[in-house]
Amino acid sequence: MALSDVVDMIIKRYARRSLPNLDVDVSIPQYLQTELRDLEAAMNSMADASVQVAENPPISPRKGMVRYAVAPWNPLSNNFSGLVVYTGVAWANVSPATGGNTFTASDESKLDGIEASATADQTAAQIKTLLAGVTYAQLS
């Protein structure tokens, strides 16, 4: 079954495209606009994929989305407060009723590699402002 970013939680990777050749009629503003749009999409997907404290359900939940549910949101209809994951149909408790750890050693190793307090805290507009004074020669 193929994954879809409409229904599944997928982190979009950003890959910088090669710089356009100035000898060919290429629109530098169009190139920058496309790059900024791709950066924004990658940052938004990372923000959606991050574990967030939520008092309300996400507007468009996607399979694999994880949230830390707190009141008044009651995703399991049992006054549960804690980590939940969207299965594509409903929200489910991440940890079993015994309170045990459901992460494998491999999962914990992956989580250890995430930078502490990592956030997608710059919008495309902020990045565009930062690049406003940069010349084409400085981009390469």
N, C-alpha and C. Protein backbone atom coordinates (compact mmCIF):
# COMPACT_ATOMS: atom_id res chain seq x y z
N MET A 1 0.85 -1.18 0.00
CA MET A 1 0.00 0.00 0.00
C MET A 1 0.89 1.24 0.00
N ALA A 2 0.65 2.14 -0.91
CA ALA A 2 1.45 3.35 -1.01
C ALA A 2 1.05 4.36 0.06
N LEU A 3 2.06 5.09 0.54
CA LEU A 3 1.80 6.13 1.52
C LEU A 3 1.36 7.40 0.82
N SER A 4 0.53 8.18 1.49
CA SER A 4 0.06 9.45 0.96
C SER A 4 0.19 10.49 2.05
N ASP A 5 0.78 11.67 1.73
CA ASP A 5 0.93 12.70 2.76
C ASP A 5 -0.40 13.33 3.15
N VAL A 6 -1.48 12.97 2.45
CA VAL A 6 -2.80 13.48 2.81
C VAL A 6 -3.36 12.69 3.99
N VAL A 7 -3.12 11.38 4.02
CA VAL A 7 -3.67 10.53 5.09
C VAL A 7 -2.61 9.97 6.03
N ASP A 8 -1.34 9.98 5.63
CA ASP A 8 -0.27 9.44 6.45
C ASP A 8 0.69 10.54 6.89
N MET A 9 1.25 10.40 8.08
CA MET A 9 2.21 11.38 8.60
C MET A 9 3.55 11.10 7.95
N ILE A 10 3.95 11.96 7.04
CA ILE A 10 5.20 11.79 6.31
C ILE A 10 6.03 13.06 6.47
N ILE A 11 7.29 12.88 6.82
CA ILE A 11 8.18 14.04 6.91
C ILE A 11 8.80 14.24 5.54
N LYS A 12 8.61 15.43 5.00
CA LYS A 12 9.15 15.74 3.69
C LYS A 12 10.59 16.19 3.84
N ARG A 13 11.46 15.61 3.05
CA ARG A 13 12.87 16.00 3.06
C ARG A 13 13.07 17.18 2.12
N TYR A 14 14.00 18.02 2.50
CA TYR A 14 14.39 19.13 1.62
C TYR A 14 15.73 18.80 1.00
N ALA A 15 15.81 18.94 -0.29
CA ALA A 15 17.08 18.76 -1.00
C ALA A 15 17.29 19.99 -1.88
N ARG A 16 18.38 20.68 -1.65
CA ARG A 16 18.66 21.89 -2.41
C ARG A 16 18.92 21.51 -3.86
N ARG A 17 18.25 22.21 -4.75
CA ARG A 17 18.47 21.99 -6.17
C ARG A 17 19.73 22.71 -6.59
N SER A 18 20.29 22.31 -7.70
CA SER A 18 21.50 22.99 -8.18
C SER A 18 21.12 24.40 -8.64
N LEU A 19 22.06 25.30 -8.52
CA LEU A 19 21.82 26.68 -8.89
C LEU A 19 21.63 26.80 -10.40
N PRO A 20 20.75 27.70 -10.81
CA PRO A 20 20.54 27.87 -12.25
C PRO A 20 21.78 28.47 -12.91
N ASN A 21 21.91 28.19 -14.19
CA ASN A 21 23.02 28.72 -14.98
C ASN A 21 22.65 30.13 -15.44
N LEU A 22 23.50 31.10 -15.14
CA LEU A 22 23.20 32.48 -15.51
C LEU A 22 23.29 32.72 -17.01
N ASP A 23 23.95 31.82 -17.73
CA ASP A 23 24.07 31.98 -19.18
C ASP A 23 22.76 31.67 -19.89
N VAL A 24 21.89 30.93 -19.21
CA VAL A 24 20.60 30.57 -19.77
C VAL A 24 19.56 31.49 -19.15
N ASP A 25 18.51 31.81 -19.89
CA ASP A 25 17.48 32.71 -19.38
C ASP A 25 16.70 32.03 -18.26
N VAL A 26 17.12 32.24 -17.02
CA VAL A 26 16.49 31.61 -15.86
C VAL A 26 16.08 32.71 -14.88
N SER A 27 14.96 32.54 -14.29
CA SER A 27 14.46 33.52 -13.33
C SER A 27 14.98 33.19 -11.93
N ILE A 28 15.91 34.01 -11.44
CA ILE A 28 16.46 33.80 -10.09
C ILE A 28 15.35 33.96 -9.04
N PRO A 29 14.49 34.99 -9.14
CA PRO A 29 13.40 35.08 -8.15
C PRO A 29 12.52 33.84 -8.15
N GLN A 30 12.25 33.28 -9.32
CA GLN A 30 11.43 32.06 -9.38
C GLN A 30 12.16 30.89 -8.71
N TYR A 31 13.47 30.79 -8.93
CA TYR A 31 14.28 29.75 -8.30
C TYR A 31 14.20 29.88 -6.77
N LEU A 32 14.41 31.10 -6.28
CA LEU A 32 14.37 31.34 -4.83
C LEU A 32 12.99 31.06 -4.26
N GLN A 33 11.96 31.46 -4.98
CA GLN A 33 10.60 31.23 -4.51
C GLN A 33 10.32 29.73 -4.39
N THR A 34 10.76 28.96 -5.37
CA THR A 34 10.57 27.51 -5.33
C THR A 34 11.34 26.89 -4.17
N GLU A 35 12.59 27.33 -3.98
CA GLU A 35 13.39 26.80 -2.86
C GLU A 35 12.73 27.14 -1.52
N LEU A 36 12.25 28.37 -1.36
CA LEU A 36 11.62 28.77 -0.10
C LEU A 36 10.32 27.98 0.12
N ARG A 37 9.57 27.72 -0.93
CA ARG A 37 8.35 26.94 -0.81
C ARG A 37 8.68 25.52 -0.36
N ASP A 38 9.75 24.93 -0.94
CA ASP A 38 10.16 23.59 -0.54
C ASP A 38 10.64 23.55 0.91
N LEU A 39 11.37 24.58 1.33
CA LEU A 39 11.82 24.68 2.73
C LEU A 39 10.63 24.78 3.67
N GLU A 40 9.66 25.60 3.30
CA GLU A 40 8.47 25.77 4.14
C GLU A 40 7.71 24.46 4.27
N ALA A 41 7.56 23.72 3.17
CA ALA A 41 6.85 22.44 3.21
C ALA A 41 7.59 21.44 4.11
N ALA A 42 8.91 21.41 4.02
CA ALA A 42 9.69 20.50 4.87
C ALA A 42 9.56 20.88 6.34
N MET A 43 9.62 22.18 6.64
CA MET A 43 9.50 22.61 8.04
C MET A 43 8.10 22.34 8.58
N ASN A 44 7.07 22.58 7.77
CA ASN A 44 5.70 22.31 8.21
C ASN A 44 5.48 20.83 8.47
N SER A 45 6.06 19.96 7.63
CA SER A 45 5.88 18.53 7.86
C SER A 45 6.57 18.10 9.15
N MET A 46 7.73 18.72 9.47
CA MET A 46 8.42 18.40 10.72
C MET A 46 7.60 18.88 11.91
N ALA A 47 6.98 20.05 11.79
CA ALA A 47 6.15 20.57 12.89
C ALA A 47 4.95 19.65 13.11
N ASP A 48 4.31 19.21 12.03
CA ASP A 48 3.17 18.30 12.16
C ASP A 48 3.58 16.97 12.77
N ALA A 49 4.80 16.52 12.46
CA ALA A 49 5.26 15.22 12.94
C ALA A 49 5.77 15.27 14.37
N SER A 50 6.01 16.45 14.90
CA SER A 50 6.52 16.55 16.27
C SER A 50 5.42 16.24 17.27
N VAL A 51 5.81 15.77 18.44
CA VAL A 51 4.85 15.50 19.51
C VAL A 51 4.49 16.84 20.14
N GLN A 52 3.22 17.17 20.11
CA GLN A 52 2.74 18.44 20.64
C GLN A 52 1.70 18.18 21.71
N VAL A 53 1.69 19.03 22.74
CA VAL A 53 0.63 18.98 23.74
C VAL A 53 -0.61 19.56 23.09
N ALA A 54 -1.73 18.85 23.18
CA ALA A 54 -2.94 19.29 22.50
C ALA A 54 -4.16 19.22 23.42
N GLU A 55 -4.87 20.34 23.49
CA GLU A 55 -6.14 20.39 24.22
C GLU A 55 -7.31 20.06 23.30
N ASN A 56 -7.06 20.10 21.99
CA ASN A 56 -8.08 19.82 20.98
C ASN A 56 -7.48 18.91 19.92
N PRO A 57 -8.31 18.11 19.26
CA PRO A 57 -7.78 17.24 18.21
C PRO A 57 -7.30 18.06 17.01
N PRO A 58 -6.30 17.57 16.29
CA PRO A 58 -5.87 18.26 15.07
C PRO A 58 -7.02 18.32 14.07
N ILE A 59 -7.06 19.36 13.27
CA ILE A 59 -8.12 19.53 12.29
C ILE A 59 -8.07 18.42 11.23
N SER A 60 -6.89 18.08 10.77
CA SER A 60 -6.73 17.03 9.76
C SER A 60 -5.74 15.98 10.24
N PRO A 61 -6.16 15.09 11.13
CA PRO A 61 -5.22 14.07 11.62
C PRO A 61 -4.80 13.13 10.50
N ARG A 62 -3.55 12.69 10.58
CA ARG A 62 -3.03 11.75 9.60
C ARG A 62 -2.47 10.54 10.33
N LYS A 63 -2.55 9.40 9.69
CA LYS A 63 -2.07 8.15 10.28
C LYS A 63 -0.62 8.31 10.72
N GLY A 64 -0.34 7.97 11.98
CA GLY A 64 1.01 8.08 12.53
C GLY A 64 1.24 9.35 13.32
N MET A 65 0.30 10.29 13.29
CA MET A 65 0.43 11.54 14.04
C MET A 65 0.35 11.24 15.54
N VAL A 66 1.27 11.82 16.32
CA VAL A 66 1.32 11.59 17.76
C VAL A 66 1.07 12.90 18.48
N ARG A 67 0.25 12.87 19.50
CA ARG A 67 -0.04 14.05 20.32
C ARG A 67 -0.04 13.65 21.80
N TYR A 68 0.26 14.62 22.66
CA TYR A 68 0.10 14.42 24.10
C TYR A 68 -1.22 15.08 24.46
N ALA A 69 -2.24 14.27 24.65
CA ALA A 69 -3.60 14.77 24.88
C ALA A 69 -3.78 15.23 26.33
N VAL A 70 -4.34 16.42 26.51
CA VAL A 70 -4.69 16.94 27.84
C VAL A 70 -6.12 17.47 27.78
N ALA A 71 -6.77 17.58 28.94
CA ALA A 71 -8.14 18.07 29.02
C ALA A 71 -8.20 19.48 28.43
N PRO A 72 -9.24 19.80 27.74
CA PRO A 72 -10.54 19.11 27.63
C PRO A 72 -10.61 18.04 26.54
N TRP A 73 -9.56 17.86 25.73
CA TRP A 73 -9.60 16.84 24.68
C TRP A 73 -9.61 15.46 25.34
N ASN A 74 -10.48 14.60 24.87
CA ASN A 74 -10.65 13.27 25.43
C ASN A 74 -10.67 12.25 24.29
N PRO A 75 -9.51 12.02 23.64
CA PRO A 75 -9.49 11.20 22.42
C PRO A 75 -9.89 9.74 22.62
N LEU A 76 -9.74 9.21 23.84
CA LEU A 76 -10.06 7.80 24.09
C LEU A 76 -11.39 7.64 24.82
N SER A 77 -12.07 8.75 25.06
CA SER A 77 -13.38 8.76 25.74
C SER A 77 -13.32 8.12 27.12
N ASN A 78 -12.17 8.25 27.80
CA ASN A 78 -12.05 7.70 29.16
C ASN A 78 -11.27 8.65 30.08
N ASN A 79 -11.29 9.94 29.76
CA ASN A 79 -10.57 10.98 30.51
C ASN A 79 -9.07 10.73 30.54
N PHE A 80 -8.55 10.08 29.50
CA PHE A 80 -7.13 9.79 29.39
C PHE A 80 -6.35 11.07 29.10
N SER A 81 -5.18 11.17 29.73
CA SER A 81 -4.25 12.26 29.45
C SER A 81 -2.89 11.61 29.23
N GLY A 82 -2.35 11.78 28.04
CA GLY A 82 -1.07 11.17 27.73
C GLY A 82 -0.86 11.05 26.23
N LEU A 83 0.14 10.25 25.84
CA LEU A 83 0.48 10.09 24.43
C LEU A 83 -0.55 9.24 23.70
N VAL A 84 -1.00 9.77 22.56
CA VAL A 84 -1.91 9.03 21.69
C VAL A 84 -1.37 9.12 20.26
N VAL A 85 -1.70 8.09 19.47
CA VAL A 85 -1.29 8.06 18.07
C VAL A 85 -2.54 7.85 17.23
N TYR A 86 -2.58 8.51 16.06
CA TYR A 86 -3.72 8.34 15.16
C TYR A 86 -3.46 7.13 14.27
N THR A 87 -4.37 6.17 14.28
CA THR A 87 -4.20 4.92 13.53
C THR A 87 -4.68 5.02 12.09
N GLY A 88 -5.27 6.14 11.74
CA GLY A 88 -5.89 6.30 10.43
C GLY A 88 -7.39 6.21 10.53
N VAL A 89 -7.86 5.68 11.67
CA VAL A 89 -9.29 5.54 11.92
C VAL A 89 -9.68 6.21 13.25
N ALA A 90 -8.82 6.03 14.26
CA ALA A 90 -9.10 6.56 15.60
C ALA A 90 -7.80 6.80 16.33
N TRP A 91 -7.90 7.50 17.46
CA TRP A 91 -6.73 7.73 18.32
C TRP A 91 -6.55 6.52 19.24
N ALA A 92 -5.31 6.13 19.48
CA ALA A 92 -5.01 4.98 20.34
C ALA A 92 -3.94 5.37 21.36
N ASN A 93 -4.00 4.75 22.52
CA ASN A 93 -3.02 4.96 23.57
C ASN A 93 -1.66 4.43 23.10
N VAL A 94 -0.61 5.21 23.29
CA VAL A 94 0.72 4.77 22.86
C VAL A 94 1.29 3.73 23.79
N SER A 95 1.08 3.88 25.08
CA SER A 95 1.63 2.91 26.02
C SER A 95 0.52 2.00 26.54
N PRO A 96 0.85 0.74 26.83
CA PRO A 96 -0.17 -0.20 27.31
C PRO A 96 -0.69 0.19 28.69
N ALA A 97 -1.78 -0.44 29.09
CA ALA A 97 -2.43 -0.14 30.37
C ALA A 97 -1.49 -0.35 31.55
N THR A 98 -0.49 -1.20 31.39
CA THR A 98 0.43 -1.46 32.49
C THR A 98 1.41 -0.30 32.68
N GLY A 99 1.43 0.63 31.72
CA GLY A 99 2.35 1.75 31.81
C GLY A 99 3.75 1.41 31.35
N GLY A 100 3.92 0.23 30.75
CA GLY A 100 5.23 -0.20 30.28
C GLY A 100 5.69 0.58 29.06
N ASN A 101 6.94 0.42 28.73
CA ASN A 101 7.53 1.12 27.59
C ASN A 101 7.31 0.31 26.33
N THR A 102 6.67 0.90 25.32
CA THR A 102 6.42 0.18 24.07
C THR A 102 7.48 0.46 23.02
N PHE A 103 8.46 1.32 23.33
CA PHE A 103 9.52 1.62 22.38
C PHE A 103 10.57 0.51 22.40
N THR A 104 11.04 0.15 21.23
CA THR A 104 12.12 -0.81 21.14
C THR A 104 13.44 -0.06 21.36
N ALA A 105 14.52 -0.80 21.53
CA ALA A 105 15.84 -0.18 21.68
C ALA A 105 16.18 0.64 20.44
N SER A 106 15.76 0.15 19.28
CA SER A 106 15.99 0.88 18.03
C SER A 106 15.23 2.20 18.02
N ASP A 107 13.97 2.18 18.49
CA ASP A 107 13.17 3.41 18.56
C ASP A 107 13.83 4.42 19.50
N GLU A 108 14.28 3.95 20.65
CA GLU A 108 14.91 4.85 21.62
C GLU A 108 16.20 5.43 21.05
N SER A 109 16.95 4.64 20.30
CA SER A 109 18.17 5.12 19.68
C SER A 109 17.87 6.23 18.68
N LYS A 110 16.81 6.07 17.90
CA LYS A 110 16.41 7.10 16.94
C LYS A 110 16.00 8.38 17.67
N LEU A 111 15.24 8.22 18.74
CA LEU A 111 14.79 9.39 19.50
C LEU A 111 15.96 10.11 20.16
N ASP A 112 16.97 9.36 20.60
CA ASP A 112 18.15 9.97 21.22
C ASP A 112 18.90 10.85 20.23
N GLY A 113 18.75 10.57 18.93
CA GLY A 113 19.44 11.33 17.91
C GLY A 113 18.78 12.66 17.56
N ILE A 114 17.59 12.90 18.10
CA ILE A 114 16.90 14.15 17.81
C ILE A 114 17.43 15.24 18.72
N GLU A 115 17.77 16.36 18.15
CA GLU A 115 18.31 17.48 18.92
C GLU A 115 17.29 17.93 19.97
N ALA A 116 17.75 18.17 21.18
CA ALA A 116 16.86 18.61 22.25
C ALA A 116 16.22 19.94 21.86
N SER A 117 14.93 20.04 22.10
CA SER A 117 14.15 21.25 21.83
C SER A 117 14.19 21.66 20.36
N ALA A 118 14.36 20.70 19.46
CA ALA A 118 14.38 21.02 18.03
C ALA A 118 12.99 21.50 17.61
N THR A 119 12.95 22.60 16.91
CA THR A 119 11.68 23.12 16.43
C THR A 119 11.84 23.67 15.03
N ALA A 120 10.75 23.77 14.35
CA ALA A 120 10.72 24.44 13.04
C ALA A 120 10.24 25.85 13.32
N ASP A 121 11.17 26.70 13.75
CA ASP A 121 10.76 28.01 14.26
C ASP A 121 10.96 29.16 13.29
N GLN A 122 11.29 28.89 12.04
CA GLN A 122 11.42 29.97 11.08
C GLN A 122 10.44 29.74 9.95
N THR A 123 9.68 30.78 9.63
CA THR A 123 8.75 30.70 8.52
C THR A 123 9.48 30.99 7.23
N ALA A 124 8.85 30.69 6.13
CA ALA A 124 9.45 30.98 4.82
C ALA A 124 9.68 32.48 4.68
N ALA A 125 8.76 33.30 5.22
CA ALA A 125 8.92 34.75 5.13
C ALA A 125 10.17 35.21 5.89
N GLN A 126 10.43 34.60 7.05
CA GLN A 126 11.62 34.98 7.83
C GLN A 126 12.89 34.58 7.08
N ILE A 127 12.88 33.41 6.47
CA ILE A 127 14.05 32.97 5.71
C ILE A 127 14.26 33.89 4.51
N LYS A 128 13.16 34.26 3.86
CA LYS A 128 13.24 35.16 2.71
C LYS A 128 13.85 36.49 3.12
N THR A 129 13.46 37.01 4.29
CA THR A 129 14.02 38.26 4.80
C THR A 129 15.52 38.10 5.05
N LEU A 130 15.92 36.97 5.62
CA LEU A 130 17.34 36.73 5.87
C LEU A 130 18.14 36.68 4.58
N LEU A 131 17.53 36.17 3.51
CA LEU A 131 18.23 36.04 2.23
C LEU A 131 18.15 37.31 1.38
N ALA A 132 17.38 38.30 1.81
CA ALA A 132 17.16 39.50 1.01
C ALA A 132 18.47 40.20 0.64
N GLY A 133 19.44 40.23 1.52
CA GLY A 133 20.69 40.93 1.24
C GLY A 133 21.77 40.04 0.65
N VAL A 134 21.44 38.78 0.37
CA VAL A 134 22.43 37.84 -0.14
C VAL A 134 22.51 37.95 -1.66
N THR A 135 23.72 38.01 -2.18
CA THR A 135 23.89 38.07 -3.63
C THR A 135 23.89 36.67 -4.20
N TYR A 136 23.71 36.58 -5.50
CA TYR A 136 23.71 35.28 -6.17
C TYR A 136 25.03 34.55 -5.96
N ALA A 137 26.13 35.28 -6.00
CA ALA A 137 27.45 34.67 -5.84
C ALA A 137 27.61 34.04 -4.46
N GLN A 138 26.95 34.61 -3.45
CA GLN A 138 27.06 34.07 -2.10
C GLN A 138 26.28 32.78 -1.91
N LEU A 139 25.34 32.49 -2.80
CA LEU A 139 24.51 31.28 -2.67
C LEU A 139 25.27 30.02 -3.06
N SER A 140 26.29 30.14 -3.86
CA SER A 140 26.98 28.93 -4.32
C SER A 140 28.02 28.45 -3.35
